[in-house]
N, C-alpha and C. Protein backbone atom coordinates (compact mmCIF):
# COMPACT_ATOMS: atom_id res chain seq x y z
N MET A 1 71.22 46.42 128.40
CA MET A 1 70.88 47.11 129.64
C MET A 1 71.78 46.61 130.76
N SER A 2 72.27 47.52 131.55
CA SER A 2 73.21 47.19 132.61
C SER A 2 72.46 46.76 133.87
N ASN A 3 73.00 45.75 134.55
CA ASN A 3 72.45 45.31 135.82
C ASN A 3 73.13 45.99 137.00
N LYS A 4 74.02 46.91 136.71
CA LYS A 4 74.76 47.58 137.77
C LYS A 4 73.84 48.50 138.56
N LYS A 5 74.09 48.55 139.87
CA LYS A 5 73.33 49.44 140.75
C LYS A 5 74.30 50.47 141.31
N TYR A 6 73.80 51.69 141.43
CA TYR A 6 74.65 52.79 141.88
C TYR A 6 74.04 53.51 143.07
N GLN A 7 74.91 54.03 143.89
CA GLN A 7 74.51 54.99 144.91
C GLN A 7 74.91 56.34 144.34
N TRP A 8 73.94 57.25 144.21
CA TRP A 8 74.16 58.52 143.53
C TRP A 8 74.39 59.65 144.53
N PHE A 9 75.32 60.53 144.19
CA PHE A 9 75.64 61.70 145.01
C PHE A 9 75.60 62.95 144.14
N LYS A 10 74.86 63.94 144.60
CA LYS A 10 74.80 65.21 143.87
C LYS A 10 76.08 65.98 144.13
N ILE A 11 76.74 66.41 143.04
CA ILE A 11 78.01 67.12 143.19
C ILE A 11 77.93 68.59 142.78
N ALA A 12 76.85 68.97 142.07
CA ALA A 12 76.70 70.38 141.66
C ALA A 12 75.27 70.61 141.19
N GLU A 13 74.86 71.87 141.23
CA GLU A 13 73.54 72.25 140.74
C GLU A 13 73.46 72.15 139.22
N SER A 14 74.61 72.35 138.56
CA SER A 14 74.67 72.28 137.10
C SER A 14 76.13 72.14 136.68
N SER A 15 76.35 71.82 135.42
CA SER A 15 77.72 71.74 134.89
C SER A 15 78.42 73.09 135.02
N GLU A 16 77.69 74.16 134.78
CA GLU A 16 78.26 75.50 134.85
C GLU A 16 78.69 75.88 136.26
N ALA A 17 78.11 75.25 137.28
CA ALA A 17 78.43 75.56 138.67
C ALA A 17 79.73 74.88 139.13
N LEU A 18 80.25 73.96 138.32
CA LEU A 18 81.50 73.30 138.68
C LEU A 18 82.68 74.22 138.43
N ASN A 19 83.75 74.03 139.18
CA ASN A 19 84.92 74.90 139.11
C ASN A 19 85.90 74.40 138.03
N TRP A 20 85.50 74.53 136.75
CA TRP A 20 86.31 74.03 135.65
C TRP A 20 87.60 74.81 135.50
N GLN A 21 88.70 74.10 135.31
CA GLN A 21 90.00 74.72 135.02
C GLN A 21 90.09 74.97 133.52
N SER A 22 91.12 75.66 133.08
CA SER A 22 91.29 75.96 131.66
C SER A 22 91.51 74.70 130.82
N ASN A 23 91.90 73.59 131.44
CA ASN A 23 92.11 72.32 130.72
C ASN A 23 90.83 71.47 130.68
N ASN A 24 89.69 72.06 131.03
CA ASN A 24 88.38 71.38 131.04
C ASN A 24 88.30 70.24 132.06
N MET A 25 88.99 70.40 133.17
CA MET A 25 88.92 69.43 134.26
C MET A 25 88.70 70.14 135.58
N CYS A 26 88.21 69.38 136.55
CA CYS A 26 88.08 69.88 137.92
C CYS A 26 88.06 68.70 138.86
N VAL A 27 88.19 68.98 140.14
CA VAL A 27 88.16 67.95 141.18
C VAL A 27 86.94 68.20 142.04
N VAL A 28 86.20 67.12 142.31
CA VAL A 28 85.05 67.19 143.21
C VAL A 28 85.22 66.13 144.28
N GLU A 29 84.42 66.24 145.32
CA GLU A 29 84.43 65.23 146.37
C GLU A 29 83.02 64.70 146.53
N ALA A 30 82.91 63.38 146.61
CA ALA A 30 81.62 62.73 146.84
C ALA A 30 81.84 61.54 147.75
N ASP A 31 81.06 61.45 148.79
CA ASP A 31 81.15 60.35 149.75
C ASP A 31 82.58 60.17 150.26
N GLY A 32 83.29 61.28 150.48
CA GLY A 32 84.64 61.25 151.01
C GLY A 32 85.72 60.90 150.01
N LYS A 33 85.37 60.76 148.72
CA LYS A 33 86.35 60.42 147.68
C LYS A 33 86.56 61.60 146.75
N LYS A 34 87.83 61.85 146.43
CA LYS A 34 88.14 62.87 145.42
C LYS A 34 88.03 62.22 144.05
N ILE A 35 87.39 62.92 143.13
CA ILE A 35 87.14 62.42 141.78
C ILE A 35 87.53 63.52 140.80
N THR A 36 88.14 63.13 139.69
CA THR A 36 88.44 64.08 138.61
C THR A 36 87.28 64.07 137.62
N LEU A 37 86.79 65.26 137.29
CA LEU A 37 85.80 65.41 136.23
C LEU A 37 86.50 66.00 135.02
N ALA A 38 86.14 65.51 133.86
CA ALA A 38 86.72 66.00 132.61
C ALA A 38 85.59 66.25 131.62
N LYS A 39 85.68 67.37 130.90
CA LYS A 39 84.67 67.71 129.91
C LYS A 39 85.31 67.61 128.53
N HIS A 40 84.70 66.78 127.67
CA HIS A 40 85.18 66.62 126.30
C HIS A 40 83.97 66.59 125.38
N GLN A 41 83.96 67.46 124.39
CA GLN A 41 82.86 67.58 123.44
C GLN A 41 81.52 67.72 124.17
N GLU A 42 81.49 68.59 125.16
CA GLU A 42 80.30 68.92 125.96
C GLU A 42 79.75 67.77 126.79
N LYS A 43 80.49 66.68 126.92
CA LYS A 43 80.09 65.57 127.77
C LYS A 43 81.02 65.53 128.97
N ILE A 44 80.46 65.20 130.13
CA ILE A 44 81.26 65.12 131.36
C ILE A 44 81.59 63.65 131.66
N PHE A 45 82.84 63.43 132.04
CA PHE A 45 83.32 62.11 132.43
C PHE A 45 83.86 62.20 133.85
N ALA A 46 83.78 61.10 134.59
CA ALA A 46 84.32 61.05 135.95
C ALA A 46 85.32 59.90 136.03
N VAL A 47 86.53 60.24 136.49
CA VAL A 47 87.61 59.25 136.61
C VAL A 47 88.32 59.42 137.95
N ALA A 48 89.22 58.49 138.22
CA ALA A 48 89.98 58.53 139.47
C ALA A 48 90.75 59.84 139.61
N TYR A 49 90.98 60.23 140.85
CA TYR A 49 91.72 61.44 141.17
C TYR A 49 93.19 61.31 140.80
N LYS A 50 93.76 60.10 141.03
CA LYS A 50 95.18 59.87 140.78
C LYS A 50 95.41 58.81 139.71
N CYS A 51 96.50 58.96 138.99
CA CYS A 51 96.92 57.99 137.98
C CYS A 51 97.29 56.67 138.66
N PRO A 52 96.91 55.53 138.09
CA PRO A 52 97.26 54.25 138.70
C PRO A 52 98.75 53.91 138.60
N HIS A 53 99.50 54.62 137.78
CA HIS A 53 100.92 54.33 137.61
C HIS A 53 101.77 54.93 138.73
N ALA A 54 101.78 56.26 138.83
CA ALA A 54 102.65 56.92 139.81
C ALA A 54 101.93 57.98 140.62
N SER A 55 100.60 57.88 140.68
CA SER A 55 99.76 58.76 141.50
C SER A 55 99.78 60.23 141.11
N GLY A 56 100.04 60.53 139.84
CA GLY A 56 99.91 61.90 139.37
C GLY A 56 98.47 62.36 139.48
N ILE A 57 98.27 63.62 139.78
CA ILE A 57 96.91 64.18 139.90
C ILE A 57 96.36 64.38 138.49
N MET A 58 95.35 63.61 138.14
CA MET A 58 94.84 63.59 136.77
C MET A 58 94.32 64.96 136.32
N ALA A 59 93.74 65.73 137.21
CA ALA A 59 93.20 67.04 136.84
C ALA A 59 94.29 68.04 136.47
N ALA A 60 95.55 67.71 136.73
CA ALA A 60 96.68 68.57 136.34
C ALA A 60 97.21 68.19 134.96
N GLY A 61 96.61 67.18 134.35
CA GLY A 61 97.03 66.74 133.03
C GLY A 61 96.28 67.47 131.93
N ASN A 62 96.04 66.76 130.83
CA ASN A 62 95.28 67.37 129.75
C ASN A 62 94.43 66.32 129.05
N ILE A 63 93.54 66.79 128.17
CA ILE A 63 92.68 65.94 127.38
C ILE A 63 93.05 66.15 125.92
N ASP A 64 93.29 65.03 125.20
CA ASP A 64 93.63 65.19 123.78
C ASP A 64 92.36 65.23 122.92
N SER A 65 92.53 65.44 121.63
CA SER A 65 91.40 65.60 120.72
C SER A 65 90.59 64.32 120.55
N LEU A 66 91.15 63.16 120.93
CA LEU A 66 90.44 61.89 120.81
C LEU A 66 89.64 61.54 122.07
N GLY A 67 89.75 62.37 123.10
CA GLY A 67 89.04 62.09 124.34
C GLY A 67 89.82 61.22 125.30
N ASN A 68 91.13 61.31 125.26
CA ASN A 68 91.99 60.62 126.21
C ASN A 68 92.51 61.62 127.22
N ILE A 69 92.56 61.20 128.47
CA ILE A 69 93.13 62.03 129.53
C ILE A 69 94.57 61.60 129.74
N ALA A 70 95.47 62.56 129.84
CA ALA A 70 96.90 62.27 130.01
C ALA A 70 97.36 62.67 131.40
N CYS A 71 98.05 61.77 132.07
CA CYS A 71 98.63 62.05 133.38
C CYS A 71 99.74 63.09 133.21
N PRO A 72 99.84 64.05 134.13
CA PRO A 72 100.88 65.08 133.99
C PRO A 72 102.30 64.58 134.27
N LEU A 73 102.46 63.44 134.95
CA LEU A 73 103.80 62.98 135.30
C LEU A 73 104.53 62.30 134.14
N HIS A 74 103.93 61.29 133.56
CA HIS A 74 104.61 60.51 132.52
C HIS A 74 103.84 60.49 131.20
N ARG A 75 102.75 61.24 131.13
CA ARG A 75 101.93 61.36 129.91
C ARG A 75 101.25 60.06 129.49
N TYR A 76 101.06 59.13 130.41
CA TYR A 76 100.27 57.94 130.10
C TYR A 76 98.85 58.41 129.82
N LYS A 77 98.23 57.86 128.80
CA LYS A 77 96.89 58.28 128.40
C LYS A 77 95.87 57.19 128.65
N PHE A 78 94.64 57.64 128.98
CA PHE A 78 93.54 56.74 129.27
C PHE A 78 92.29 57.25 128.57
N ASN A 79 91.48 56.34 128.05
CA ASN A 79 90.21 56.69 127.43
C ASN A 79 89.27 57.17 128.53
N LEU A 80 88.67 58.36 128.36
CA LEU A 80 87.79 58.91 129.38
C LEU A 80 86.55 58.05 129.63
N ALA A 81 86.04 57.42 128.60
CA ALA A 81 84.80 56.65 128.74
C ALA A 81 85.03 55.27 129.37
N THR A 82 86.15 54.64 129.06
CA THR A 82 86.36 53.26 129.51
C THR A 82 87.45 53.11 130.57
N GLY A 83 88.35 54.08 130.66
CA GLY A 83 89.47 53.99 131.59
C GLY A 83 90.63 53.17 131.05
N ARG A 84 90.49 52.62 129.85
CA ARG A 84 91.56 51.79 129.27
C ARG A 84 92.76 52.64 128.88
N ASN A 85 93.92 52.10 129.16
CA ASN A 85 95.18 52.75 128.82
C ASN A 85 95.35 52.72 127.30
N THR A 86 95.64 53.87 126.68
CA THR A 86 95.74 53.93 125.22
C THR A 86 97.18 54.10 124.73
N THR A 87 98.13 54.18 125.64
CA THR A 87 99.52 54.34 125.23
C THR A 87 100.34 53.07 125.46
N GLY A 88 99.69 51.97 125.81
CA GLY A 88 100.35 50.67 125.83
C GLY A 88 100.99 50.21 127.12
N GLU A 89 100.84 50.95 128.20
CA GLU A 89 101.51 50.54 129.44
C GLU A 89 100.73 49.49 130.23
N GLY A 90 99.45 49.30 129.92
CA GLY A 90 98.67 48.24 130.56
C GLY A 90 97.93 48.62 131.83
N TYR A 91 97.92 49.88 132.19
CA TYR A 91 97.21 50.31 133.39
C TYR A 91 95.74 50.55 133.07
N TYR A 92 94.94 50.70 134.11
CA TYR A 92 93.51 50.97 133.96
C TYR A 92 93.14 52.09 134.93
N LEU A 93 92.47 53.11 134.42
CA LEU A 93 92.04 54.24 135.24
C LEU A 93 90.58 54.03 135.63
N LYS A 94 90.28 54.06 136.90
CA LYS A 94 88.91 53.86 137.40
C LYS A 94 88.01 54.95 136.84
N THR A 95 86.83 54.53 136.35
CA THR A 95 85.83 55.47 135.86
C THR A 95 84.58 55.34 136.73
N TYR A 96 83.78 56.38 136.71
CA TYR A 96 82.55 56.42 137.50
C TYR A 96 81.39 56.86 136.62
N ALA A 97 80.19 56.40 136.99
CA ALA A 97 78.99 56.83 136.28
C ALA A 97 78.71 58.29 136.65
N ILE A 98 78.24 59.04 135.67
CA ILE A 98 77.89 60.43 135.91
C ILE A 98 76.65 60.77 135.10
N GLU A 99 75.76 61.54 135.69
CA GLU A 99 74.52 61.93 135.00
C GLU A 99 74.24 63.40 135.26
N GLN A 100 73.81 64.07 134.19
CA GLN A 100 73.34 65.44 134.31
C GLN A 100 71.82 65.39 134.25
N LYS A 101 71.19 65.83 135.32
CA LYS A 101 69.73 65.84 135.40
C LYS A 101 69.25 67.28 135.52
N VAL A 102 67.97 67.46 135.48
CA VAL A 102 67.38 68.79 135.56
C VAL A 102 67.78 69.49 136.86
N ASP A 103 67.88 68.72 137.96
CA ASP A 103 68.18 69.32 139.26
C ASP A 103 69.64 69.26 139.66
N GLY A 104 70.55 68.81 138.75
CA GLY A 104 71.95 68.84 139.09
C GLY A 104 72.78 67.77 138.41
N VAL A 105 74.05 67.73 138.80
CA VAL A 105 75.00 66.76 138.28
C VAL A 105 75.25 65.73 139.39
N TYR A 106 75.17 64.45 139.02
CA TYR A 106 75.30 63.36 139.98
C TYR A 106 76.41 62.41 139.56
N ILE A 107 77.11 61.88 140.58
CA ILE A 107 78.10 60.84 140.33
C ILE A 107 77.60 59.56 141.01
N GLY A 108 77.81 58.43 140.35
CA GLY A 108 77.33 57.17 140.88
C GLY A 108 78.47 56.23 141.23
N PHE A 109 78.43 55.69 142.44
CA PHE A 109 79.38 54.68 142.86
C PHE A 109 78.67 53.34 142.83
N GLU A 110 79.29 52.37 142.17
CA GLU A 110 78.68 51.06 142.04
C GLU A 110 78.56 50.41 143.42
N VAL A 111 77.39 49.83 143.68
CA VAL A 111 77.17 49.12 144.95
C VAL A 111 77.00 47.64 144.64
N GLY A 112 77.20 46.85 145.64
CA GLY A 112 77.09 45.40 145.43
C GLY A 112 78.45 44.79 145.38
N GLY A 113 78.76 44.23 144.25
CA GLY A 113 80.03 43.53 144.10
C GLY A 113 79.75 42.06 143.90
N LEU A 114 80.72 41.24 144.18
CA LEU A 114 80.62 39.81 143.91
C LEU A 114 79.39 39.17 144.58
N PHE A 115 79.15 39.51 145.83
CA PHE A 115 78.03 38.89 146.54
C PHE A 115 76.95 39.91 146.87
N GLY A 116 76.95 41.05 146.20
CA GLY A 116 76.04 42.15 146.53
C GLY A 116 74.58 41.79 146.51
N GLY A 117 74.14 40.95 145.60
CA GLY A 117 72.73 40.64 145.52
C GLY A 117 72.30 39.42 146.30
N LEU A 118 73.24 38.76 146.97
CA LEU A 118 72.92 37.51 147.65
C LEU A 118 72.51 37.67 149.09
N PHE A 119 72.85 38.79 149.71
CA PHE A 119 72.58 38.93 151.15
C PHE A 119 71.70 40.12 151.42
């Protein structure tokens, strides 16, 4: 069980209400941050808007059959669930918690941090 705490933001009434592109990705905004959503095998993932390498817009890339998202600039790939780089360059793509509930789709930003529970 995770001890992480999140601040949740509703981003859509349902998965179908999101503006999915033909590559099964879209961009949403929550709490002033742009986030890339990716759909793979009917599951939604939330990752950073830009690639950590050269700032390529992740939603302009593609998703491979293994569930890796590829940056459109240099084709660096990242695991959608963990953000780990799978092509060996050593970068890490920020991931976010996402939940589909009866009343909508929510994205969670981790709150706290190193001293979050002390004050």
